[in-house]
Amino acid sequence: MSVDSPRRNVHYLKGLWLHFGDWRGSRPFWAGLLTMLGGVPIVYLPYADLAIGQLTIRMATTAGSGSLVIGVLLVTLGLTMWFQPVVRVFAGVAAIVLALLSIPMSNLGGFLVGLLLALLGAALSIAWAPGEPGHEHPST
């Protein structure tokens, strides 16, 4: 085997995957991801155009700026859950309030898709508790 063997890269990628798993396990990862994904349809749908042949359907409402603010704040709260897990309860409560505000302000919360994703992520954030420090990964 030479130094440039692809087997060496496999061990490097496995180490990166294990490091990502440790990082993901030390914070409410899925809560942040679902909260961020919930903000995307809330932001996108009020500005989207649906073209069917020559017919263009626009979902623009007068609350487009409110949808933009709510969606951006949900994405920001999702990132806060990832990078500041200490404030996960505050971020979860704020995400629940914003998701509920998106019902009247943003096409029923992004046609219920963004609303449900944000509510699920916020509930996961509130319910998440840090675990005990784990043991080192066995080197295999």
C-alpha atoms as a PDB file:
ATOM      1  CA  MET A   1       0.000   0.000   0.000  1.00  0.00           C
ATOM      2  CA  SER A   2       1.235   3.457  -0.872  1.00  0.00           C
ATOM      3  CA  VAL A   3       0.817   6.732   0.966  1.00  0.00           C
ATOM      4  CA  ASP A   4      -1.679   7.934  -1.664  1.00  0.00           C
ATOM      5  CA  SER A   5      -3.958   4.997  -1.080  1.00  0.00           C
ATOM      6  CA  PRO A   6      -7.707   5.782  -1.089  1.00  0.00           C
ATOM      7  CA  ARG A   7      -8.038   3.764   2.124  1.00  0.00           C
ATOM      8  CA  ARG A   8      -6.446   6.614   4.028  1.00  0.00           C
ATOM      9  CA  ASN A   9      -9.183   8.998   2.834  1.00  0.00           C
ATOM     10  CA  VAL A  10     -11.847   6.564   4.030  1.00  0.00           C
ATOM     11  CA  HIS A  11     -10.498   6.822   7.573  1.00  0.00           C
ATOM     12  CA  TYR A  12     -10.398  10.611   7.277  1.00  0.00           C
ATOM     13  CA  LEU A  13     -14.038  10.723   6.151  1.00  0.00           C
ATOM     14  CA  LYS A  14     -15.032   8.346   8.933  1.00  0.00           C
ATOM     15  CA  GLY A  15     -13.363  10.643  11.448  1.00  0.00           C
ATOM     16  CA  LEU A  16     -15.235  13.631  10.022  1.00  0.00           C
ATOM     17  CA  TRP A  17     -18.528  11.710  10.189  1.00  0.00           C
ATOM     18  CA  LEU A  18     -17.877  10.725  13.820  1.00  0.00           C
ATOM     19  CA  HIS A  19     -16.981  14.323  14.688  1.00  0.00           C
ATOM     20  CA  PHE A  20     -20.205  15.526  13.020  1.00  0.00           C
ATOM     21  CA  GLY A  21     -22.153  12.897  14.990  1.00  0.00           C
ATOM     22  CA  ASP A  22     -20.648  14.170  18.254  1.00  0.00           C
ATOM     23  CA  TRP A  23     -21.491  17.753  17.307  1.00  0.00           C
ATOM     24  CA  ARG A  24     -25.026  16.784  16.276  1.00  0.00           C
ATOM     25  CA  GLY A  25     -25.599  14.848  19.488  1.00  0.00           C
ATOM     26  CA  SER A  26     -24.618  17.766  21.710  1.00  0.00           C
ATOM     27  CA  ARG A  27     -27.388  20.083  20.532  1.00  0.00           C
ATOM     28  CA  PRO A  28     -31.004  19.952  19.302  1.00  0.00           C
ATOM     29  CA  PHE A  29     -29.965  19.303  15.702  1.00  0.00           C
ATOM     30  CA  TRP A  30     -33.270  18.021  14.317  1.00  0.00           C
ATOM     31  CA  ALA A  31     -35.201  20.754  16.087  1.00  0.00           C
ATOM     32  CA  GLY A  32     -33.082  23.429  14.429  1.00  0.00           C
ATOM     33  CA  LEU A  33     -33.287  21.748  11.044  1.00  0.00           C
ATOM     34  CA  LEU A  34     -37.079  21.427  11.141  1.00  0.00           C
ATOM     35  CA  THR A  35     -37.473  25.011  12.354  1.00  0.00           C
ATOM     36  CA  MET A  36     -35.297  26.289   9.519  1.00  0.00           C
ATOM     37  CA  LEU A  37     -37.162  24.151   6.980  1.00  0.00           C
ATOM     38  CA  GLY A  38     -40.435  25.533   8.364  1.00  0.00           C
ATOM     39  CA  GLY A  39     -39.285  29.077   7.627  1.00  0.00           C
ATOM     40  CA  VAL A  40     -38.585  28.363   3.961  1.00  0.00           C
ATOM     41  CA  PRO A  41     -42.185  27.875   2.697  1.00  0.00           C
ATOM     42  CA  ILE A  42     -43.378  30.755   4.857  1.00  0.00           C
ATOM     43  CA  VAL A  43     -40.902  33.052   3.075  1.00  0.00           C
ATOM     44  CA  TYR A  44     -41.150  31.525  -0.391  1.00  0.00           C
ATOM     45  CA  LEU A  45     -44.861  31.043  -1.026  1.00  0.00           C
ATOM     46  CA  PRO A  46     -46.050  34.680  -0.785  1.00  0.00           C
ATOM     47  CA  TYR A  47     -43.498  35.635  -3.467  1.00  0.00           C
ATOM     48  CA  ALA A  48     -43.873  32.556  -5.707  1.00  0.00           C
ATOM     49  CA  ASP A  49     -45.381  32.513  -9.184  1.00  0.00           C
ATOM     50  CA  LEU A  50     -46.911  29.360 -10.616  1.00  0.00           C
ATOM     51  CA  ALA A  51     -46.911  29.297 -14.417  1.00  0.00           C
ATOM     52  CA  ILE A  52     -49.280  26.857 -16.136  1.00  0.00           C
ATOM     53  CA  GLY A  53     -48.865  27.420 -19.843  1.00  0.00           C
ATOM     54  CA  GLN A  54     -49.884  31.026 -20.520  1.00  0.00           C
ATOM     55  CA  LEU A  55     -51.582  31.371 -17.120  1.00  0.00           C
ATOM     56  CA  THR A  56     -49.555  32.774 -14.235  1.00  0.00           C
ATOM     57  CA  ILE A  57     -50.860  32.407 -10.699  1.00  0.00           C
ATOM     58  CA  ARG A  58     -49.334  34.663  -8.073  1.00  0.00           C
ATOM     59  CA  MET A  59     -49.788  34.021  -4.350  1.00  0.00           C
ATOM     60  CA  ALA A  60     -48.699  37.530  -3.359  1.00  0.00           C
ATOM     61  CA  THR A  61     -50.556  39.004  -0.440  1.00  0.00           C
ATOM     62  CA  THR A  62     -50.423  42.306   1.359  1.00  0.00           C
ATOM     63  CA  ALA A  63     -48.617  40.568   4.196  1.00  0.00           C
ATOM     64  CA  GLY A  64     -45.572  39.675   2.094  1.00  0.00           C
ATOM     65  CA  SER A  65     -43.229  41.668   4.310  1.00  0.00           C
ATOM     66  CA  GLY A  66     -44.672  40.002   7.430  1.00  0.00           C
ATOM     67  CA  SER A  67     -44.056  36.599   5.858  1.00  0.00           C
ATOM     68  CA  LEU A  68     -40.492  37.590   5.079  1.00  0.00           C
ATOM     69  CA  VAL A  69     -39.840  38.696   8.659  1.00  0.00           C
ATOM     70  CA  ILE A  70     -41.448  35.567  10.167  1.00  0.00           C
ATOM     71  CA  GLY A  71     -39.574  33.199   7.854  1.00  0.00           C
ATOM     72  CA  VAL A  72     -36.202  34.866   8.387  1.00  0.00           C
ATOM     73  CA  LEU A  73     -36.720  34.844  12.154  1.00  0.00           C
ATOM     74  CA  LEU A  74     -37.599  31.123  12.067  1.00  0.00           C
ATOM     75  CA  VAL A  75     -34.399  30.378  10.145  1.00  0.00           C
ATOM     76  CA  THR A  76     -32.451  32.495  12.638  1.00  0.00           C
ATOM     77  CA  LEU A  77     -34.023  30.673  15.582  1.00  0.00           C
ATOM     78  CA  GLY A  78     -33.143  27.332  13.974  1.00  0.00           C
ATOM     79  CA  LEU A  79     -29.518  28.427  13.691  1.00  0.00           C
ATOM     80  CA  THR A  80     -29.669  29.622  17.300  1.00  0.00           C
ATOM     81  CA  MET A  81     -30.802  26.152  18.368  1.00  0.00           C
ATOM     82  CA  TRP A  82     -27.734  24.728  16.632  1.00  0.00           C
ATOM     83  CA  PHE A  83     -25.069  27.128  17.776  1.00  0.00           C
ATOM     84  CA  GLN A  84     -26.441  28.275  21.166  1.00  0.00           C
ATOM     85  CA  PRO A  85     -28.174  25.221  22.654  1.00  0.00           C
ATOM     86  CA  VAL A  86     -28.312  26.937  26.054  1.00  0.00           C
ATOM     87  CA  VAL A  87     -31.181  29.163  24.855  1.00  0.00           C
ATOM     88  CA  ARG A  88     -33.089  26.311  23.202  1.00  0.00           C
ATOM     89  CA  VAL A  89     -36.217  26.813  25.359  1.00  0.00           C
ATOM     90  CA  PHE A  90     -36.454  30.507  24.507  1.00  0.00           C
ATOM     91  CA  ALA A  91     -35.848  29.757  20.834  1.00  0.00           C
ATOM     92  CA  GLY A  92     -38.509  27.044  20.900  1.00  0.00           C
ATOM     93  CA  VAL A  93     -41.126  29.275  22.536  1.00  0.00           C
ATOM     94  CA  ALA A  94     -40.332  32.114  20.127  1.00  0.00           C
ATOM     95  CA  ALA A  95     -40.587  29.702  17.173  1.00  0.00           C
ATOM     96  CA  ILE A  96     -44.003  28.511  18.382  1.00  0.00           C
ATOM     97  CA  VAL A  97     -45.235  32.109  18.649  1.00  0.00           C
ATOM     98  CA  LEU A  98     -43.903  32.960  15.178  1.00  0.00           C
ATOM     99  CA  ALA A  99     -45.361  29.801  13.655  1.00  0.00           C
ATOM    100  CA  LEU A 100     -48.769  30.613  15.102  1.00  0.00           C
ATOM    101  CA  LEU A 101     -48.477  34.206  13.874  1.00  0.00           C
ATOM    102  CA  SER A 102     -47.825  32.882  10.383  1.00  0.00           C
ATOM    103  CA  ILE A 103     -51.358  31.455  10.177  1.00  0.00           C
ATOM    104  CA  PRO A 104     -53.092  34.791   9.530  1.00  0.00           C
ATOM    105  CA  MET A 105     -50.058  36.597   8.099  1.00  0.00           C
ATOM    106  CA  SER A 106     -48.611  34.143   5.603  1.00  0.00           C
ATOM    107  CA  ASN A 107     -51.112  32.063   3.620  1.00  0.00           C
ATOM    108  CA  LEU A 108     -52.035  29.779   6.531  1.00  0.00           C
ATOM    109  CA  GLY A 109     -48.434  29.393   7.571  1.00  0.00           C
ATOM    110  CA  GLY A 110     -47.072  28.433   4.170  1.00  0.00           C
ATOM    111  CA  PHE A 111     -50.137  26.287   3.405  1.00  0.00           C
ATOM    112  CA  LEU A 112     -49.685  24.461   6.715  1.00  0.00           C
ATOM    113  CA  VAL A 113     -46.349  22.956   5.618  1.00  0.00           C
ATOM    114  CA  GLY A 114     -44.183  25.663   7.177  1.00  0.00           C
ATOM    115  CA  LEU A 115     -46.481  25.908  10.174  1.00  0.00           C
ATOM    116  CA  LEU A 116     -46.275  22.192  10.979  1.00  0.00           C
ATOM    117  CA  LEU A 117     -42.512  21.960  10.411  1.00  0.00           C
ATOM    118  CA  ALA A 118     -41.861  25.004  12.606  1.00  0.00           C
ATOM    119  CA  LEU A 119     -44.177  23.772  15.374  1.00  0.00           C
ATOM    120  CA  LEU A 120     -42.563  20.324  15.362  1.00  0.00           C
ATOM    121  CA  GLY A 121     -39.060  21.797  15.437  1.00  0.00           C
ATOM    122  CA  ALA A 122     -39.976  24.183  18.240  1.00  0.00           C
ATOM    123  CA  ALA A 123     -41.523  21.394  20.311  1.00  0.00           C
ATOM    124  CA  LEU A 124     -38.416  19.258  19.806  1.00  0.00           C
ATOM    125  CA  SER A 125     -36.259  22.177  20.902  1.00  0.00           C
ATOM    126  CA  ILE A 126     -38.206  22.659  24.124  1.00  0.00           C
ATOM    127  CA  ALA A 127     -38.218  18.927  24.880  1.00  0.00           C
ATOM    128  CA  TRP A 128     -34.514  18.347  24.131  1.00  0.00           C
ATOM    129  CA  ALA A 129     -32.196  17.857  27.095  1.00  0.00           C
ATOM    130  CA  PRO A 130     -28.427  17.479  26.938  1.00  0.00           C
ATOM    131  CA  GLY A 131     -27.260  13.940  27.512  1.00  0.00           C
ATOM    132  CA  GLU A 132     -24.417  12.689  29.617  1.00  0.00           C
ATOM    133  CA  PRO A 133     -20.975  12.846  28.032  1.00  0.00           C
ATOM    134  CA  GLY A 134     -20.490   9.700  25.994  1.00  0.00           C
ATOM    135  CA  HIS A 135     -17.588   7.356  25.839  1.00  0.00           C
ATOM    136  CA  GLU A 136     -14.933   7.631  23.194  1.00  0.00           C
ATOM    137  CA  HIS A 137     -15.696   5.911  19.935  1.00  0.00           C
ATOM    138  CA  PRO A 138     -13.912   2.580  19.605  1.00  0.00           C
ATOM    139  CA  SER A 139     -11.251   2.683  16.940  1.00  0.00           C
ATOM    140  CA  THR A 140     -12.197   0.083  14.372  1.00  0.00           C
END
